[in-house]
Amino acid sequence: MPELRFQIEWPDGSQELCYSPSLVIKDYFAPEQAYPLDDFVTRSRTALRIASDRVQAKYGMPCSLALGQLSSIERKATQYAELPAPQVKVLKFVE
């Protein structure tokens, strides 16, 4: 399966390189696009679960890296939940 990394910028300006085992991320995000925090988390949850399910369909087990990335995103997002109108920007895809 083709892997994809996507670089994001959190509301505080910090950047993170995230992992997906599938190109499905491109169906949910666009480079240089900012998303409201809740929308970003929801899109990440959907895309990374689909990616993990694709790995499970092919290899018989879910992708622990995708699920771990999702957990990391969900955990980090809680740090910004109280900010007024927090956004996460998808900077680029790295294939």
PDB file of N, CA and C in Angstrom:
ATOM      1  N   MET A   1       0.844  -1.177   0.000  1.00  0.00           N
ATOM      2  CA  MET A   1       0.000   0.000   0.000  1.00  0.00           C
ATOM      3  C   MET A   1       0.894   1.246   0.000  1.00  0.00           C
ATOM      4  N   PRO A   2       0.482   2.257  -0.745  1.00  0.00           N
ATOM      5  CA  PRO A   2       1.287   3.487  -0.735  1.00  0.00           C
ATOM      6  C   PRO A   2       1.086   4.263   0.572  1.00  0.00           C
ATOM      7  N   GLU A   3       2.171   4.591   1.201  1.00  0.00           N
ATOM      8  CA  GLU A   3       2.120   5.372   2.434  1.00  0.00           C
ATOM      9  C   GLU A   3       2.123   6.857   2.093  1.00  0.00           C
ATOM     10  N   LEU A   4       1.667   7.646   3.036  1.00  0.00           N
ATOM     11  CA  LEU A   4       1.647   9.091   2.856  1.00  0.00           C
ATOM     12  C   LEU A   4       1.884   9.749   4.205  1.00  0.00           C
ATOM     13  N   ARG A   5       2.677  10.780   4.197  1.00  0.00           N
ATOM     14  CA  ARG A   5       2.830  11.609   5.379  1.00  0.00           C
ATOM     15  C   ARG A   5       2.254  12.971   5.043  1.00  0.00           C
ATOM     16  N   PHE A   6       1.655  13.589   6.032  1.00  0.00           N
ATOM     17  CA  PHE A   6       1.094  14.917   5.820  1.00  0.00           C
ATOM     18  C   PHE A   6       1.552  15.829   6.957  1.00  0.00           C
ATOM     19  N   GLN A   7       2.088  16.968   6.555  1.00  0.00           N
ATOM     20  CA  GLN A   7       2.617  17.911   7.528  1.00  0.00           C
ATOM     21  C   GLN A   7       1.529  18.905   7.908  1.00  0.00           C
ATOM     22  N   ILE A   8       1.353  19.084   9.213  1.00  0.00           N
ATOM     23  CA  ILE A   8       0.309  19.973   9.711  1.00  0.00           C
ATOM     24  C   ILE A   8       0.912  21.043  10.620  1.00  0.00           C
ATOM     25  N   GLU A   9       0.143  22.098  10.779  1.00  0.00           N
ATOM     26  CA  GLU A   9       0.518  23.156  11.716  1.00  0.00           C
ATOM     27  C   GLU A   9      -0.625  23.326  12.708  1.00  0.00           C
ATOM     28  N   TRP A  10      -0.304  23.155  13.985  1.00  0.00           N
ATOM     29  CA  TRP A  10      -1.280  23.285  15.058  1.00  0.00           C
ATOM     30  C   TRP A  10      -1.565  24.764  15.330  1.00  0.00           C
ATOM     31  N   PRO A  11      -2.615  25.065  16.073  1.00  0.00           N
ATOM     32  CA  PRO A  11      -2.970  26.466  16.343  1.00  0.00           C
ATOM     33  C   PRO A  11      -1.860  27.300  16.995  1.00  0.00           C
ATOM     34  N   ASP A  12      -0.938  26.665  17.699  1.00  0.00           N
ATOM     35  CA  ASP A  12       0.157  27.408  18.344  1.00  0.00           C
ATOM     36  C   ASP A  12       1.360  27.612  17.420  1.00  0.00           C
ATOM     37  N   GLY A  13       1.243  27.165  16.165  1.00  0.00           N
ATOM     38  CA  GLY A  13       2.324  27.325  15.201  1.00  0.00           C
ATOM     39  C   GLY A  13       3.289  26.150  15.137  1.00  0.00           C
ATOM     40  N   SER A  14       3.170  25.209  16.076  1.00  0.00           N
ATOM     41  CA  SER A  14       4.036  24.027  16.028  1.00  0.00           C
ATOM     42  C   SER A  14       3.620  23.139  14.863  1.00  0.00           C
ATOM     43  N   GLN A  15       4.597  22.445  14.306  1.00  0.00           N
ATOM     44  CA  GLN A  15       4.325  21.579  13.158  1.00  0.00           C
ATOM     45  C   GLN A  15       4.560  20.127  13.521  1.00  0.00           C
ATOM     46  N   GLU A  16       3.867  19.253  12.810  1.00  0.00           N
ATOM     47  CA  GLU A  16       3.987  17.813  13.033  1.00  0.00           C
ATOM     48  C   GLU A  16       3.869  17.097  11.691  1.00  0.00           C
ATOM     49  N   LEU A  17       4.662  16.052  11.538  1.00  0.00           N
ATOM     50  CA  LEU A  17       4.572  15.207  10.356  1.00  0.00           C
ATOM     51  C   LEU A  17       3.776  13.968  10.750  1.00  0.00           C
ATOM     52  N   CYS A  18       2.619  13.790  10.128  1.00  0.00           N
ATOM     53  CA  CYS A  18       1.703  12.704  10.473  1.00  0.00           C
ATOM     54  C   CYS A  18       1.788  11.592   9.433  1.00  0.00           C
ATOM     55  N   TYR A  19       1.358  10.397   9.825  1.00  0.00           N
ATOM     56  CA  TYR A  19       1.490   9.206   8.992  1.00  0.00           C
ATOM     57  C   TYR A  19       0.125   8.628   8.616  1.00  0.00           C
ATOM     58  N   SER A  20       0.028   8.156   7.392  1.00  0.00           N
ATOM     59  CA  SER A  20      -1.112   7.362   6.941  1.00  0.00           C
ATOM     60  C   SER A  20      -0.599   6.235   6.052  1.00  0.00           C
ATOM     61  N   PRO A  21      -1.123   5.024   6.234  1.00  0.00           N
ATOM     62  CA  PRO A  21      -0.709   3.909   5.375  1.00  0.00           C
ATOM     63  C   PRO A  21      -1.423   3.903   4.025  1.00  0.00           C
ATOM     64  N   SER A  22      -2.215   4.924   3.771  1.00  0.00           N
ATOM     65  CA  SER A  22      -3.018   4.966   2.552  1.00  0.00           C
ATOM     66  C   SER A  22      -3.115   6.404   2.040  1.00  0.00           C
ATOM     67  N   LEU A  23      -3.322   6.541   0.756  1.00  0.00           N
ATOM     68  CA  LEU A  23      -3.501   7.856   0.143  1.00  0.00           C
ATOM     69  C   LEU A  23      -4.888   8.438   0.392  1.00  0.00           C
ATOM     70  N   VAL A  24      -5.729   7.736   1.131  1.00  0.00           N
ATOM     71  CA  VAL A  24      -7.090   8.203   1.409  1.00  0.00           C
ATOM     72  C   VAL A  24      -7.080   9.583   2.075  1.00  0.00           C
ATOM     73  N   ILE A  25      -6.003   9.940   2.728  1.00  0.00           N
ATOM     74  CA  ILE A  25      -5.876  11.259   3.351  1.00  0.00           C
ATOM     75  C   ILE A  25      -6.153  12.366   2.333  1.00  0.00           C
ATOM     76  N   LYS A  26      -5.735  12.141   1.092  1.00  0.00           N
ATOM     77  CA  LYS A  26      -5.936  13.144   0.045  1.00  0.00           C
ATOM     78  C   LYS A  26      -7.414  13.379  -0.263  1.00  0.00           C
ATOM     79  N   ASP A  27      -8.264  12.430   0.101  1.00  0.00           N
ATOM     80  CA  ASP A  27      -9.703  12.602  -0.096  1.00  0.00           C
ATOM     81  C   ASP A  27     -10.317  13.501   0.982  1.00  0.00           C
ATOM     82  N   TYR A  28      -9.602  13.724   2.066  1.00  0.00           N
ATOM     83  CA  TYR A  28     -10.142  14.456   3.210  1.00  0.00           C
ATOM     84  C   TYR A  28      -9.459  15.788   3.482  1.00  0.00           C
ATOM     85  N   PHE A  29      -8.249  15.964   2.947  1.00  0.00           N
ATOM     86  CA  PHE A  29      -7.497  17.183   3.190  1.00  0.00           C
ATOM     87  C   PHE A  29      -6.884  17.708   1.897  1.00  0.00           C
ATOM     88  N   ALA A  30      -6.618  18.997   1.885  1.00  0.00           N
ATOM     89  CA  ALA A  30      -5.924  19.633   0.761  1.00  0.00           C
ATOM     90  C   ALA A  30      -4.721  20.398   1.308  1.00  0.00           C
ATOM     91  N   PRO A  31      -3.613  20.386   0.586  1.00  0.00           N
ATOM     92  CA  PRO A  31      -2.449  21.152   1.023  1.00  0.00           C
ATOM     93  C   PRO A  31      -2.767  22.649   1.111  1.00  0.00           C
ATOM     94  N   GLU A  32      -2.123  23.300   2.068  1.00  0.00           N
ATOM     95  CA  GLU A  32      -2.277  24.743   2.290  1.00  0.00           C
ATOM     96  C   GLU A  32      -3.695  25.134   2.699  1.00  0.00           C
ATOM     97  N   GLN A  33      -4.444  24.192   3.240  1.00  0.00           N
ATOM     98  CA  GLN A  33      -5.820  24.451   3.670  1.00  0.00           C
ATOM     99  C   GLN A  33      -5.901  24.364   5.189  1.00  0.00           C
ATOM    100  N   ALA A  34      -6.563  25.341   5.800  1.00  0.00           N
ATOM    101  CA  ALA A  34      -6.785  25.332   7.250  1.00  0.00           C
ATOM    102  C   ALA A  34      -8.185  24.799   7.538  1.00  0.00           C
ATOM    103  N   TYR A  35      -8.293  24.030   8.615  1.00  0.00           N
ATOM    104  CA  TYR A  35      -9.555  23.423   9.018  1.00  0.00           C
ATOM    105  C   TYR A  35      -9.834  23.775  10.479  1.00  0.00           C
ATOM    106  N   PRO A  36     -11.090  24.075  10.813  1.00  0.00           N
ATOM    107  CA  PRO A  36     -11.411  24.239  12.229  1.00  0.00           C
ATOM    108  C   PRO A  36     -10.987  22.974  12.988  1.00  0.00           C
ATOM    109  N   LEU A  37     -10.525  23.144  14.206  1.00  0.00           N
ATOM    110  CA  LEU A  37      -9.978  22.032  14.982  1.00  0.00           C
ATOM    111  C   LEU A  37     -10.902  20.817  15.011  1.00  0.00           C
ATOM    112  N   ASP A  38     -12.174  21.017  15.336  1.00  0.00           N
ATOM    113  CA  ASP A  38     -13.107  19.885  15.403  1.00  0.00           C
ATOM    114  C   ASP A  38     -13.246  19.185  14.055  1.00  0.00           C
ATOM    115  N   ASP A  39     -13.301  19.964  12.985  1.00  0.00           N
ATOM    116  CA  ASP A  39     -13.414  19.398  11.644  1.00  0.00           C
ATOM    117  C   ASP A  39     -12.148  18.613  11.300  1.00  0.00           C
ATOM    118  N   PHE A  40     -10.983  19.166  11.648  1.00  0.00           N
ATOM    119  CA  PHE A  40      -9.724  18.462  11.385  1.00  0.00           C
ATOM    120  C   PHE A  40      -9.689  17.113  12.105  1.00  0.00           C
ATOM    121  N   VAL A  41     -10.096  17.096  13.363  1.00  0.00           N
ATOM    122  CA  VAL A  41     -10.090  15.837  14.134  1.00  0.00           C
ATOM    123  C   VAL A  41     -11.080  14.842  13.528  1.00  0.00           C
ATOM    124  N   THR A  42     -12.257  15.307  13.162  1.00  0.00           N
ATOM    125  CA  THR A  42     -13.261  14.420  12.561  1.00  0.00           C
ATOM    126  C   THR A  42     -12.771  13.842  11.234  1.00  0.00           C
ATOM    127  N   ARG A  43     -12.200  14.690  10.383  1.00  0.00           N
ATOM    128  CA  ARG A  43     -11.665  14.223   9.101  1.00  0.00           C
ATOM    129  C   ARG A  43     -10.513  13.236   9.319  1.00  0.00           C
ATOM    130  N   SER A  44      -9.645  13.541  10.278  1.00  0.00           N
ATOM    131  CA  SER A  44      -8.527  12.639  10.588  1.00  0.00           C
ATOM    132  C   SER A  44      -9.045  11.290  11.055  1.00  0.00           C
ATOM    133  N   ARG A  45     -10.034  11.321  11.931  1.00  0.00           N
ATOM    134  CA  ARG A  45     -10.610  10.084  12.465  1.00  0.00           C
ATOM    135  C   ARG A  45     -11.162   9.223  11.329  1.00  0.00           C
ATOM    136  N   THR A  46     -11.931   9.843  10.456  1.00  0.00           N
ATOM    137  CA  THR A  46     -12.534   9.104   9.341  1.00  0.00           C
ATOM    138  C   THR A  46     -11.454   8.544   8.415  1.00  0.00           C
ATOM    139  N   ALA A  47     -10.536   9.405   7.985  1.00  0.00           N
ATOM    140  CA  ALA A  47      -9.518   8.999   7.004  1.00  0.00           C
ATOM    141  C   ALA A  47      -8.578   7.940   7.574  1.00  0.00           C
ATOM    142  N   LEU A  48      -8.120   8.116   8.803  1.00  0.00           N
ATOM    143  CA  LEU A  48      -7.168   7.156   9.365  1.00  0.00           C
ATOM    144  C   LEU A  48      -7.831   5.822   9.703  1.00  0.00           C
ATOM    145  N   ARG A  49      -9.097   5.841  10.052  1.00  0.00           N
ATOM    146  CA  ARG A  49      -9.807   4.567  10.268  1.00  0.00           C
ATOM    147  C   ARG A  49     -10.006   3.836   8.942  1.00  0.00           C
ATOM    148  N   ILE A  50     -10.338   4.567   7.891  1.00  0.00           N
ATOM    149  CA  ILE A  50     -10.460   3.946   6.563  1.00  0.00           C
ATOM    150  C   ILE A  50      -9.107   3.353   6.160  1.00  0.00           C
ATOM    151  N   ALA A  51      -8.038   4.117   6.371  1.00  0.00           N
ATOM    152  CA  ALA A  51      -6.700   3.636   6.023  1.00  0.00           C
ATOM    153  C   ALA A  51      -6.367   2.357   6.800  1.00  0.00           C
ATOM    154  N   SER A  52      -6.663   2.355   8.084  1.00  0.00           N
ATOM    155  CA  SER A  52      -6.400   1.175   8.906  1.00  0.00           C
ATOM    156  C   SER A  52      -7.242  -0.014   8.439  1.00  0.00           C
ATOM    157  N   ASP A  53      -8.495   0.252   8.085  1.00  0.00           N
ATOM    158  CA  ASP A  53      -9.376  -0.818   7.586  1.00  0.00           C
ATOM    159  C   ASP A  53      -8.849  -1.401   6.273  1.00  0.00           C
ATOM    160  N   ARG A  54      -8.263  -0.571   5.437  1.00  0.00           N
ATOM    161  CA  ARG A  54      -7.685  -1.058   4.176  1.00  0.00           C
ATOM    162  C   ARG A  54      -6.501  -1.984   4.453  1.00  0.00           C
ATOM    163  N   VAL A  55      -5.693  -1.618   5.428  1.00  0.00           N
ATOM    164  CA  VAL A  55      -4.574  -2.480   5.823  1.00  0.00           C
ATOM    165  C   VAL A  55      -5.116  -3.809   6.367  1.00  0.00           C
ATOM    166  N   GLN A  56      -6.159  -3.731   7.180  1.00  0.00           N
ATOM    167  CA  GLN A  56      -6.738  -4.957   7.731  1.00  0.00           C
ATOM    168  C   GLN A  56      -7.294  -5.848   6.624  1.00  0.00           C
ATOM    169  N   ALA A  57      -7.948  -5.247   5.643  1.00  0.00           N
ATOM    170  CA  ALA A  57      -8.503  -6.038   4.540  1.00  0.00           C
ATOM    171  C   ALA A  57      -7.388  -6.735   3.755  1.00  0.00           C
ATOM    172  N   LYS A  58      -6.242  -6.084   3.631  1.00  0.00           N
ATOM    173  CA  LYS A  58      -5.152  -6.646   2.844  1.00  0.00           C
ATOM    174  C   LYS A  58      -4.273  -7.607   3.640  1.00  0.00           C
ATOM    175  N   TYR A  59      -4.013  -7.265   4.912  1.00  0.00           N
ATOM    176  CA  TYR A  59      -3.033  -8.032   5.692  1.00  0.00           C
ATOM    177  C   TYR A  59      -3.628  -8.776   6.895  1.00  0.00           C
ATOM    178  N   GLY A  60      -4.931  -8.589   7.136  1.00  0.00           N
ATOM    179  CA  GLY A  60      -5.578  -9.338   8.207  1.00  0.00           C
ATOM    180  C   GLY A  60      -5.493  -8.705   9.588  1.00  0.00           C
ATOM    181  N   MET A  61      -4.883  -7.539   9.687  1.00  0.00           N
ATOM    182  CA  MET A  61      -4.837  -6.849  10.972  1.00  0.00           C
ATOM    183  C   MET A  61      -4.851  -5.340  10.734  1.00  0.00           C
ATOM    184  N   PRO A  62      -5.465  -4.595  11.666  1.00  0.00           N
ATOM    185  CA  PRO A  62      -5.508  -3.143  11.486  1.00  0.00           C
ATOM    186  C   PRO A  62      -4.115  -2.537  11.576  1.00  0.00           C
ATOM    187  N   CYS A  63      -3.977  -1.338  11.090  1.00  0.00           N
ATOM    188  CA  CYS A  63      -2.683  -0.645  11.094  1.00  0.00           C
ATOM    189  C   CYS A  63      -2.485   0.082  12.420  1.00  0.00           C
ATOM    190  N   SER A  64      -1.607  -0.434  13.237  1.00  0.00           N
ATOM    191  CA  SER A  64      -1.363   0.181  14.545  1.00  0.00           C
ATOM    192  C   SER A  64      -0.743   1.574  14.400  1.00  0.00           C
ATOM    193  N   LEU A  65       0.023   1.800  13.338  1.00  0.00           N
ATOM    194  CA  LEU A  65       0.607   3.129  13.139  1.00  0.00           C
ATOM    195  C   LEU A  65      -0.478   4.168  12.824  1.00  0.00           C
ATOM    196  N   ALA A  66      -1.444   3.811  12.011  1.00  0.00           N
ATOM    197  CA  ALA A  66      -2.535   4.735  11.690  1.00  0.00           C
ATOM    198  C   ALA A  66      -3.373   5.017  12.926  1.00  0.00           C
ATOM    199  N   LEU A  67      -3.683   3.971  13.681  1.00  0.00           N
ATOM    200  CA  LEU A  67      -4.492   4.159  14.883  1.00  0.00           C
ATOM    201  C   LEU A  67      -3.720   4.935  15.947  1.00  0.00           C
ATOM    202  N   GLY A  68      -2.414   4.720  16.009  1.00  0.00           N
ATOM    203  CA  GLY A  68      -1.575   5.483  16.922  1.00  0.00           C
ATOM    204  C   GLY A  68      -1.510   6.949  16.527  1.00  0.00           C
ATOM    205  N   GLN A  69      -1.440   7.212  15.222  1.00  0.00           N
ATOM    206  CA  GLN A  69      -1.429   8.593  14.745  1.00  0.00           C
ATOM    207  C   GLN A  69      -2.738   9.278  15.099  1.00  0.00           C
ATOM    208  N   LEU A  70      -3.840   8.567  14.913  1.00  0.00           N
ATOM    209  CA  LEU A  70      -5.146   9.121  15.264  1.00  0.00           C
ATOM    210  C   LEU A  70      -5.209   9.453  16.755  1.00  0.00           C
ATOM    211  N   SER A  71      -4.750   8.544  17.566  1.00  0.00           N
ATOM    212  CA  SER A  71      -4.742   8.774  19.016  1.00  0.00           C
ATOM    213  C   SER A  71      -3.910  10.003  19.364  1.00  0.00           C
ATOM    214  N   SER A  72      -2.776  10.149  18.718  1.00  0.00           N
ATOM    215  CA  SER A  72      -1.910  11.302  18.953  1.00  0.00           C
ATOM    216  C   SER A  72      -2.605  12.606  18.554  1.00  0.00           C
ATOM    217  N   ILE A  73      -3.274  12.605  17.413  1.00  0.00           N
ATOM    218  CA  ILE A  73      -4.000  13.791  16.952  1.00  0.00           C
ATOM    219  C   ILE A  73      -5.117  14.137  17.932  1.00  0.00           C
ATOM    220  N   GLU A  74      -5.881  13.147  18.337  1.00  0.00           N
ATOM    221  CA  GLU A  74      -6.988  13.394  19.265  1.00  0.00           C
ATOM    222  C   GLU A  74      -6.468  13.946  20.596  1.00  0.00           C
ATOM    223  N   ARG A  75      -5.386  13.378  21.078  1.00  0.00           N
ATOM    224  CA  ARG A  75      -4.809  13.810  22.354  1.00  0.00           C
ATOM    225  C   ARG A  75      -4.293  15.252  22.257  1.00  0.00           C
ATOM    226  N   LYS A  76      -3.552  15.551  21.199  1.00  0.00           N
ATOM    227  CA  LYS A  76      -2.979  16.887  21.048  1.00  0.00           C
ATOM    228  C   LYS A  76      -4.072  17.931  20.829  1.00  0.00           C
ATOM    229  N   ALA A  77      -5.128  17.564  20.134  1.00  0.00           N
ATOM    230  CA  ALA A  77      -6.214  18.505  19.851  1.00  0.00           C
ATOM    231  C   ALA A  77      -6.866  19.011  21.139  1.00  0.00           C
ATOM    232  N   THR A  78      -6.876  18.206  22.177  1.00  0.00           N
ATOM    233  CA  THR A  78      -7.488  18.641  23.437  1.00  0.00           C
ATOM    234  C   THR A  78      -6.758  19.848  24.027  1.00  0.00           C
ATOM    235  N   GLN A  79      -5.496  20.024  23.699  1.00  0.00           N
ATOM    236  CA  GLN A  79      -4.717  21.168  24.200  1.00  0.00           C
ATOM    237  C   GLN A  79      -5.238  22.499  23.658  1.00  0.00           C
ATOM    238  N   TYR A  80      -5.899  22.452  22.530  1.00  0.00           N
ATOM    239  CA  TYR A  80      -6.332  23.672  21.846  1.00  0.00           C
ATOM    240  C   TYR A  80      -7.843  23.873  21.876  1.00  0.00           C
ATOM    241  N   ALA A  81      -8.565  22.971  22.482  1.00  0.00           N
ATOM    242  CA  ALA A  81     -10.024  22.995  22.432  1.00  0.00           C
ATOM    243  C   ALA A  81     -10.630  24.261  23.042  1.00  0.00           C
ATOM    244  N   GLU A  82      -9.955  24.870  24.000  1.00  0.00           N
ATOM    245  CA  GLU A  82     -10.501  26.052  24.663  1.00  0.00           C
ATOM    246  C   GLU A  82     -10.129  27.362  23.969  1.00  0.00           C
ATOM    247  N   LEU A  83      -9.269  27.304  22.967  1.00  0.00           N
ATOM    248  CA  LEU A  83      -8.906  28.513  22.231  1.00  0.00           C
ATOM    249  C   LEU A  83     -10.091  29.004  21.405  1.00  0.00           C
ATOM    250  N   PRO A  84     -10.183  30.300  21.182  1.00  0.00           N
ATOM    251  CA  PRO A  84     -11.253  30.797  20.311  1.00  0.00           C
ATOM    252  C   PRO A  84     -10.951  30.468  18.843  1.00  0.00           C
ATOM    253  N   ALA A  85     -11.820  29.723  18.216  1.00  0.00           N
ATOM    254  CA  ALA A  85     -11.727  29.366  16.786  1.00  0.00           C
ATOM    255  C   ALA A  85     -10.376  28.757  16.391  1.00  0.00           C
ATOM    256  N   PRO A  86      -9.934  27.709  17.079  1.00  0.00           N
ATOM    257  CA  PRO A  86      -8.652  27.091  16.707  1.00  0.00           C
ATOM    258  C   PRO A  86      -8.733  26.411  15.346  1.00  0.00           C
ATOM    259  N   GLN A  87      -7.631  26.492  14.598  1.00  0.00           N
ATOM    260  CA  GLN A  87      -7.559  25.856  13.290  1.00  0.00           C
ATOM    261  C   GLN A  87      -6.263  25.062  13.165  1.00  0.00           C
ATOM    262  N   VAL A  88      -6.334  24.026  12.349  1.00  0.00           N
ATOM    263  CA  VAL A  88      -5.159  23.236  12.014  1.00  0.00           C
ATOM    264  C   VAL A  88      -4.971  23.362  10.508  1.00  0.00           C
ATOM    265  N   LYS A  89      -3.757  23.682  10.103  1.00  0.00           N
ATOM    266  CA  LYS A  89      -3.479  23.829   8.675  1.00  0.00           C
ATOM    267  C   LYS A  89      -2.713  22.612   8.174  1.00  0.00           C
ATOM    268  N   VAL A  90      -3.186  22.041   7.085  1.00  0.00           N
ATOM    269  CA  VAL A  90      -2.449  20.971   6.408  1.00  0.00           C
ATOM    270  C   VAL A  90      -1.486  21.680   5.463  1.00  0.00           C
ATOM    271  N   LEU A  91      -0.212  21.547   5.715  1.00  0.00           N
ATOM    272  CA  LEU A  91       0.791  22.259   4.931  1.00  0.00           C
ATOM    273  C   LEU A  91       1.097  21.575   3.614  1.00  0.00           C
ATOM    274  N   LYS A  92       1.366  20.263   3.687  1.00  0.00           N
ATOM    275  CA  LYS A  92       1.720  19.544   2.465  1.00  0.00           C
ATOM    276  C   LYS A  92       1.617  18.045   2.676  1.00  0.00           C
ATOM    277  N   PHE A  93       1.607  17.332   1.553  1.00  0.00           N
ATOM    278  CA  PHE A  93       1.692  15.868   1.554  1.00  0.00           C
ATOM    279  C   PHE A  93       3.118  15.493   1.204  1.00  0.00           C
ATOM    280  N   VAL A  94       3.603  14.447   1.843  1.00  0.00           N
ATOM    281  CA  VAL A  94       4.948  13.945   1.569  1.00  0.00           C
ATOM    282  C   VAL A  94       4.803  12.472   1.221  1.00  0.00           C
ATOM    283  N   GLU A  95       5.016  12.144  -0.045  1.00  0.00           N
ATOM    284  CA  GLU A  95       4.858  10.745  -0.480  1.00  0.00           C
ATOM    285  C   GLU A  95       6.208  10.058  -0.552  1.00  0.00           C
TER     286      GLU A  95
END
